[in-house]
Amino acid sequence: MPTLTQYQAIIDGKPVHIATVTPEGDPNLAVASDVKVLDGAHLVISVNEMTHTQENIQYNSRVVMTAFDKDWKGVRIFGEAKFYESGKYYDICERTFFGNGEVSPFGATKPKGAIVVTATDVKEYV
């Protein structure tokens, strides 16, 4: 299985899509731009808005994500996600994405939380 570090250049700090499912079984798709690969099997997403995504993950932890380069070559990541309101992963998001006084497109000056995705399968899009 490919690892997340193989796709770090198209994931870190770039827009990625993350799909979740509501308790009613309806799909939800969000775009996250504050994303960082932690290692070959884990990535962290700064939650600046994404209220539905956060709620859905607390109900059903399974997610699928996609990321692409400028030539539309990319990766599909299947995984299990967990939401954190504080602690190590929150601190990574605050330091990485808001450490220099950045403001999100929605006006956030610090994360609402952090989503950590543990990849269970990584598939290349060609």
Protein backbone atom coordinates (compact mmCIF):
# COMPACT_ATOMS: atom_id res chain seq x y z
CA MET A 1 0.00 0.00 0.00
CA PRO A 2 1.33 3.47 -0.82
CA THR A 3 1.91 5.75 2.17
CA LEU A 4 0.77 9.30 2.83
CA THR A 5 4.35 10.56 2.80
CA GLN A 6 4.54 9.59 -0.89
CA TYR A 7 1.79 12.17 -1.53
CA GLN A 8 2.86 14.81 0.98
CA ALA A 9 3.58 17.38 -1.75
CA ILE A 10 -0.06 17.35 -2.94
CA ILE A 11 -1.58 17.08 0.56
CA ASP A 12 0.30 19.47 2.87
CA GLY A 13 -1.35 22.88 2.87
CA LYS A 14 -3.35 22.12 -0.28
CA PRO A 15 -7.12 21.78 -0.65
CA VAL A 16 -8.30 18.22 -0.13
CA HIS A 17 -11.82 16.82 -0.21
CA ILE A 18 -13.11 14.87 2.78
CA ALA A 19 -16.33 12.85 2.61
CA THR A 20 -18.31 11.72 5.63
CA VAL A 21 -21.78 10.29 6.22
CA THR A 22 -24.54 11.79 8.37
CA PRO A 23 -26.40 9.70 10.98
CA GLU A 24 -29.25 9.51 8.44
CA GLY A 25 -26.92 8.00 5.84
CA ASP A 26 -26.61 11.11 3.67
CA PRO A 27 -23.19 11.95 2.19
CA ASN A 28 -21.35 15.11 3.17
CA LEU A 29 -18.41 16.53 1.24
CA ALA A 30 -16.16 19.28 2.56
CA VAL A 31 -12.95 20.94 1.43
CA ALA A 32 -10.09 21.39 3.87
CA SER A 33 -7.00 23.43 3.10
CA ASP A 34 -5.16 23.27 6.43
CA VAL A 35 -3.88 19.70 6.14
CA LYS A 36 -0.55 18.18 7.16
CA VAL A 37 0.84 14.67 6.76
CA LEU A 38 2.15 13.48 10.13
CA ASP A 39 3.68 10.21 8.93
CA GLY A 40 3.03 7.41 6.45
CA ALA A 41 -0.37 6.54 7.91
CA HIS A 42 -1.64 9.73 9.63
CA LEU A 43 -2.62 13.24 8.67
CA VAL A 44 -4.12 16.11 10.60
CA ILE A 45 -6.74 18.62 9.44
CA SER A 46 -7.29 21.93 11.20
CA VAL A 47 -11.02 22.37 11.79
CA ASN A 48 -11.83 26.00 11.13
CA GLU A 49 -15.46 25.48 10.08
CA MET A 50 -16.55 22.01 8.85
CA THR A 51 -19.28 21.68 11.50
CA HIS A 52 -21.07 18.86 9.65
CA THR A 53 -17.83 16.97 9.05
CA GLN A 54 -16.93 17.22 12.73
CA GLU A 55 -20.39 15.99 13.81
CA ASN A 56 -20.41 13.16 11.28
CA ILE A 57 -17.00 11.88 12.41
CA GLN A 58 -18.25 11.69 15.97
CA TYR A 59 -21.11 9.49 14.72
CA ASN A 60 -19.20 7.44 12.10
CA SER A 61 -15.41 7.66 11.98
CA ARG A 62 -15.01 6.34 8.43
CA VAL A 63 -13.91 8.92 5.83
CA VAL A 64 -12.57 9.10 2.30
CA MET A 65 -10.38 11.92 1.06
CA THR A 66 -8.97 12.98 -2.30
CA ALA A 67 -6.06 15.23 -3.25
CA PHE A 68 -4.72 16.13 -6.70
CA ASP A 69 -1.76 17.88 -8.24
CA LYS A 70 -1.99 20.43 -11.07
CA ASP A 71 -1.96 17.61 -13.65
CA TRP A 72 -4.90 15.85 -11.92
CA LYS A 73 -2.75 12.97 -10.66
CA GLY A 74 -3.67 12.25 -7.13
CA VAL A 75 -4.56 10.03 -4.27
CA ARG A 76 -7.66 8.64 -2.61
CA ILE A 77 -7.33 8.02 1.12
CA PHE A 78 -9.69 5.76 3.03
CA GLY A 79 -9.46 5.98 6.79
CA GLU A 80 -10.74 6.35 10.30
CA ALA A 81 -11.00 9.86 11.73
CA LYS A 82 -11.10 11.26 15.22
CA PHE A 83 -11.90 14.82 16.33
CA TYR A 84 -9.84 16.56 19.04
CA GLU A 85 -10.74 19.85 20.75
CA SER A 86 -7.42 20.15 22.56
CA GLY A 87 -4.12 18.39 23.10
CA LYS A 88 -1.21 17.42 20.90
CA TYR A 89 -3.03 17.45 17.52
CA TYR A 90 -4.84 20.70 18.26
CA ASP A 91 -1.49 22.23 19.18
CA ILE A 92 0.02 21.02 15.87
CA CYS A 93 -2.80 22.73 13.96
CA GLU A 94 -2.54 25.96 15.93
CA ARG A 95 1.24 26.13 15.51
CA THR A 96 1.31 25.01 11.85
CA PHE A 97 -1.64 26.92 10.41
CA PHE A 98 -2.03 29.92 12.75
CA GLY A 99 1.51 30.30 14.16
CA ASN A 100 2.26 33.52 12.29
CA GLY A 101 -1.04 35.26 12.95
CA GLU A 102 -2.78 33.78 9.90
CA VAL A 103 -6.53 34.19 9.50
CA SER A 104 -8.60 31.54 7.72
CA PRO A 105 -10.84 32.51 4.79
CA PHE A 106 -13.72 32.30 7.30
CA GLY A 107 -12.07 34.68 9.74
CA ALA A 108 -10.76 32.10 12.22
CA THR A 109 -7.61 33.04 14.12
CA LYS A 110 -7.25 29.63 15.79
CA PRO A 111 -8.63 26.17 15.07
CA LYS A 112 -11.91 24.92 16.50
CA GLY A 113 -10.25 21.54 16.72
CA ALA A 114 -8.24 18.94 14.85
CA ILE A 115 -9.23 15.87 12.87
CA VAL A 116 -6.67 13.10 12.71
CA VAL A 117 -7.15 10.56 9.92
CA THR A 118 -5.52 7.16 10.17
CA ALA A 119 -5.24 5.82 6.61
CA THR A 120 -6.51 2.27 6.17
CA ASP A 121 -6.00 2.29 2.40
CA VAL A 122 -4.24 4.68 0.03
CA LYS A 123 -4.92 4.41 -3.71
CA GLU A 124 -3.26 6.41 -6.45
CA TYR A 125 -5.35 8.26 -9.02
CA VAL A 126 -3.63 8.41 -12.41
